[in-house]
Amino acid sequence: MNWDQLEGQWKQSAGKIKEKWGKLTDDDLETIKGKRDQFVGKLQERYGIAKDEASKRADEFMNELDAEDRAKARAARP
């Protein structure tokens, strides 16, 4: 999964984001809507972390989602 795909599947992914980052509000999630820059900015704001750290965490989260998608795809194969 990449950021464009996340934006397209935002409703499904927003719940996972809320689970991982409970300080993000519903309004924050509405603002983010799958956009990486918005996501990084809200992580900085809510968690008081530097932009580089927020960016790293956002990318790690995207890698986790990508790994989940690949695992689901493998499991679905006959």
N, C-alpha and C. Protein backbone atom coordinates (compact mmCIF):
# COMPACT_ATOMS: atom_id res chain seq x y z
N MET A 1 0.84 -1.17 0.00
CA MET A 1 0.00 0.00 0.00
C MET A 1 0.89 1.24 0.00
N ASN A 2 0.45 2.24 -0.74
CA ASN A 2 1.16 3.52 -0.74
C ASN A 2 0.20 4.61 -0.28
N TRP A 3 0.67 5.84 -0.25
CA TRP A 3 -0.16 6.93 0.28
C TRP A 3 -1.37 7.19 -0.60
N ASP A 4 -1.26 7.03 -1.91
CA ASP A 4 -2.42 7.21 -2.79
C ASP A 4 -3.48 6.15 -2.50
N GLN A 5 -3.04 4.92 -2.29
CA GLN A 5 -3.98 3.85 -1.97
C GLN A 5 -4.62 4.08 -0.60
N LEU A 6 -3.83 4.56 0.34
CA LEU A 6 -4.36 4.85 1.67
C LEU A 6 -5.47 5.90 1.58
N GLU A 7 -5.23 6.90 0.77
CA GLU A 7 -6.24 7.95 0.60
C GLU A 7 -7.53 7.35 0.03
N GLY A 8 -7.40 6.40 -0.90
CA GLY A 8 -8.57 5.75 -1.49
C GLY A 8 -9.29 4.82 -0.54
N GLN A 9 -8.58 4.29 0.44
CA GLN A 9 -9.16 3.36 1.41
C GLN A 9 -9.20 3.98 2.80
N TRP A 10 -9.39 5.28 2.84
CA TRP A 10 -9.25 6.01 4.09
C TRP A 10 -10.18 5.53 5.19
N LYS A 11 -11.43 5.28 4.87
CA LYS A 11 -12.38 4.89 5.92
C LYS A 11 -11.95 3.60 6.61
N GLN A 12 -11.44 2.64 5.85
CA GLN A 12 -10.98 1.39 6.44
C GLN A 12 -9.70 1.60 7.26
N SER A 13 -8.82 2.44 6.78
CA SER A 13 -7.52 2.64 7.43
C SER A 13 -7.58 3.59 8.62
N ALA A 14 -8.54 4.48 8.64
CA ALA A 14 -8.63 5.47 9.73
C ALA A 14 -8.77 4.78 11.08
N GLY A 15 -9.49 3.68 11.13
CA GLY A 15 -9.64 2.95 12.39
C GLY A 15 -8.31 2.41 12.90
N LYS A 16 -7.49 1.92 12.00
CA LYS A 16 -6.17 1.41 12.38
C LYS A 16 -5.29 2.55 12.90
N ILE A 17 -5.41 3.69 12.27
CA ILE A 17 -4.63 4.85 12.71
C ILE A 17 -5.08 5.28 14.10
N LYS A 18 -6.38 5.29 14.31
CA LYS A 18 -6.92 5.69 15.62
C LYS A 18 -6.47 4.72 16.71
N GLU A 19 -6.41 3.42 16.39
CA GLU A 19 -5.93 2.43 17.36
C GLU A 19 -4.48 2.68 17.73
N LYS A 20 -3.66 2.97 16.74
CA LYS A 20 -2.23 3.15 16.98
C LYS A 20 -1.92 4.50 17.61
N TRP A 21 -2.61 5.53 17.18
CA TRP A 21 -2.37 6.88 17.67
C TRP A 21 -3.66 7.45 18.26
N GLY A 22 -3.95 7.06 19.48
CA GLY A 22 -5.18 7.44 20.14
C GLY A 22 -5.34 8.92 20.43
N LYS A 23 -4.25 9.67 20.38
CA LYS A 23 -4.35 11.12 20.62
C LYS A 23 -4.91 11.87 19.41
N LEU A 24 -4.95 11.22 18.26
CA LEU A 24 -5.51 11.86 17.08
C LEU A 24 -7.03 11.86 17.22
N THR A 25 -7.63 13.00 16.99
CA THR A 25 -9.08 13.14 17.11
C THR A 25 -9.77 12.78 15.80
N ASP A 26 -11.09 12.65 15.86
CA ASP A 26 -11.85 12.42 14.64
C ASP A 26 -11.68 13.59 13.67
N ASP A 27 -11.60 14.79 14.21
CA ASP A 27 -11.35 15.96 13.35
C ASP A 27 -9.98 15.88 12.69
N ASP A 28 -8.99 15.39 13.44
CA ASP A 28 -7.65 15.20 12.86
C ASP A 28 -7.72 14.22 11.70
N LEU A 29 -8.42 13.11 11.92
CA LEU A 29 -8.52 12.09 10.87
C LEU A 29 -9.24 12.64 9.65
N GLU A 30 -10.24 13.48 9.88
CA GLU A 30 -10.95 14.11 8.77
C GLU A 30 -10.01 15.04 7.99
N THR A 31 -9.14 15.72 8.70
CA THR A 31 -8.17 16.62 8.06
C THR A 31 -7.13 15.82 7.27
N ILE A 32 -6.67 14.72 7.85
CA ILE A 32 -5.61 13.91 7.24
C ILE A 32 -6.09 13.27 5.95
N LYS A 33 -7.17 12.53 6.00
CA LYS A 33 -7.77 11.84 4.85
C LYS A 33 -6.74 11.16 3.95
N GLY A 34 -5.74 10.53 4.54
CA GLY A 34 -4.76 9.77 3.77
C GLY A 34 -3.61 10.57 3.22
N LYS A 35 -3.55 11.84 3.52
CA LYS A 35 -2.48 12.69 3.00
C LYS A 35 -1.28 12.65 3.95
N ARG A 36 -0.15 12.26 3.43
CA ARG A 36 1.04 12.06 4.26
C ARG A 36 1.46 13.32 5.00
N ASP A 37 1.51 14.45 4.31
CA ASP A 37 1.95 15.69 4.96
C ASP A 37 1.04 16.08 6.11
N GLN A 38 -0.26 15.91 5.91
CA GLN A 38 -1.22 16.22 6.98
C GLN A 38 -1.03 15.26 8.15
N PHE A 39 -0.80 14.00 7.84
CA PHE A 39 -0.60 12.98 8.87
C PHE A 39 0.64 13.31 9.71
N VAL A 40 1.73 13.62 9.04
CA VAL A 40 2.97 13.96 9.74
C VAL A 40 2.75 15.19 10.62
N GLY A 41 2.08 16.19 10.09
CA GLY A 41 1.82 17.41 10.85
C GLY A 41 0.99 17.16 12.10
N LYS A 42 -0.03 16.32 11.98
CA LYS A 42 -0.87 16.01 13.14
C LYS A 42 -0.12 15.17 14.16
N LEU A 43 0.75 14.27 13.70
CA LEU A 43 1.58 13.51 14.65
C LEU A 43 2.48 14.46 15.43
N GLN A 44 3.08 15.41 14.74
CA GLN A 44 3.93 16.40 15.41
C GLN A 44 3.13 17.16 16.46
N GLU A 45 1.97 17.63 16.05
CA GLU A 45 1.13 18.46 16.92
C GLU A 45 0.65 17.70 18.16
N ARG A 46 0.11 16.52 17.96
CA ARG A 46 -0.51 15.78 19.07
C ARG A 46 0.51 15.10 19.98
N TYR A 47 1.64 14.70 19.41
CA TYR A 47 2.62 13.94 20.20
C TYR A 47 3.86 14.75 20.56
N GLY A 48 3.95 15.98 20.08
CA GLY A 48 5.08 16.83 20.42
C GLY A 48 6.42 16.29 19.97
N ILE A 49 6.44 15.73 18.76
CA ILE A 49 7.67 15.16 18.23
C ILE A 49 8.14 15.98 17.03
N ALA A 50 9.41 15.85 16.71
CA ALA A 50 10.00 16.57 15.58
C ALA A 50 9.46 16.03 14.26
N LYS A 51 9.55 16.85 13.24
CA LYS A 51 9.05 16.47 11.93
C LYS A 51 9.72 15.19 11.42
N ASP A 52 11.03 15.08 11.60
CA ASP A 52 11.74 13.88 11.13
C ASP A 52 11.21 12.62 11.82
N GLU A 53 10.98 12.71 13.12
CA GLU A 53 10.47 11.56 13.88
C GLU A 53 9.04 11.23 13.45
N ALA A 54 8.21 12.24 13.27
CA ALA A 54 6.84 12.02 12.83
C ALA A 54 6.82 11.39 11.44
N SER A 55 7.70 11.85 10.57
CA SER A 55 7.81 11.31 9.22
C SER A 55 8.23 9.84 9.26
N LYS A 56 9.19 9.54 10.11
CA LYS A 56 9.66 8.16 10.26
C LYS A 56 8.53 7.26 10.75
N ARG A 57 7.78 7.72 11.74
CA ARG A 57 6.68 6.92 12.28
C ARG A 57 5.57 6.72 11.26
N ALA A 58 5.29 7.74 10.47
CA ALA A 58 4.28 7.63 9.42
C ALA A 58 4.70 6.59 8.39
N ASP A 59 5.97 6.63 7.99
CA ASP A 59 6.46 5.66 7.01
C ASP A 59 6.48 4.25 7.58
N GLU A 60 6.82 4.10 8.84
CA GLU A 60 6.78 2.78 9.49
C GLU A 60 5.36 2.24 9.50
N PHE A 61 4.41 3.10 9.79
CA PHE A 61 3.01 2.68 9.79
C PHE A 61 2.59 2.23 8.39
N MET A 62 2.99 2.98 7.37
CA MET A 62 2.66 2.60 6.00
C MET A 62 3.28 1.25 5.65
N ASN A 63 4.49 1.00 6.10
CA ASN A 63 5.13 -0.30 5.87
C ASN A 63 4.37 -1.42 6.56
N GLU A 64 3.84 -1.16 7.76
CA GLU A 64 3.04 -2.15 8.46
C GLU A 64 1.77 -2.47 7.68
N LEU A 65 1.10 -1.44 7.17
CA LEU A 65 -0.11 -1.66 6.37
C LEU A 65 0.21 -2.45 5.11
N ASP A 66 1.34 -2.12 4.49
CA ASP A 66 1.75 -2.82 3.28
C ASP A 66 2.00 -4.30 3.58
N ALA A 67 2.66 -4.58 4.69
CA ALA A 67 2.94 -5.97 5.07
C ALA A 67 1.63 -6.72 5.34
N GLU A 68 0.67 -6.07 5.98
CA GLU A 68 -0.63 -6.69 6.23
C GLU A 68 -1.32 -7.02 4.91
N ASP A 69 -1.29 -6.08 3.98
CA ASP A 69 -1.93 -6.30 2.67
C ASP A 69 -1.29 -7.48 1.94
N ARG A 70 0.04 -7.55 1.98
CA ARG A 70 0.73 -8.66 1.31
C ARG A 70 0.40 -9.99 1.97
N ALA A 71 0.31 -10.01 3.29
CA ALA A 71 -0.03 -11.24 4.01
C ALA A 71 -1.45 -11.69 3.67
N LYS A 72 -2.37 -10.75 3.58
CA LYS A 72 -3.76 -11.08 3.22
C LYS A 72 -3.81 -11.63 1.80
N ALA A 73 -3.04 -11.03 0.90
CA ALA A 73 -3.03 -11.49 -0.49
C ALA A 73 -2.47 -12.91 -0.59
N ARG A 74 -1.42 -13.19 0.18
CA ARG A 74 -0.86 -14.55 0.17
C ARG A 74 -1.86 -15.56 0.74
N ALA A 75 -2.55 -15.19 1.79
CA ALA A 75 -3.51 -16.08 2.43
C ALA A 75 -4.71 -16.35 1.54
N ALA A 76 -5.03 -15.42 0.66
CA ALA A 76 -6.19 -15.57 -0.21
C ALA A 76 -5.90 -16.45 -1.42
N ARG A 77 -4.63 -16.69 -1.69
CA ARG A 77 -4.28 -17.54 -2.84
C ARG A 77 -4.59 -19.00 -2.53
N PRO A 78 -5.08 -19.70 -3.54
CA PRO A 78 -5.38 -21.14 -3.32
C PRO A 78 -4.13 -21.98 -3.20
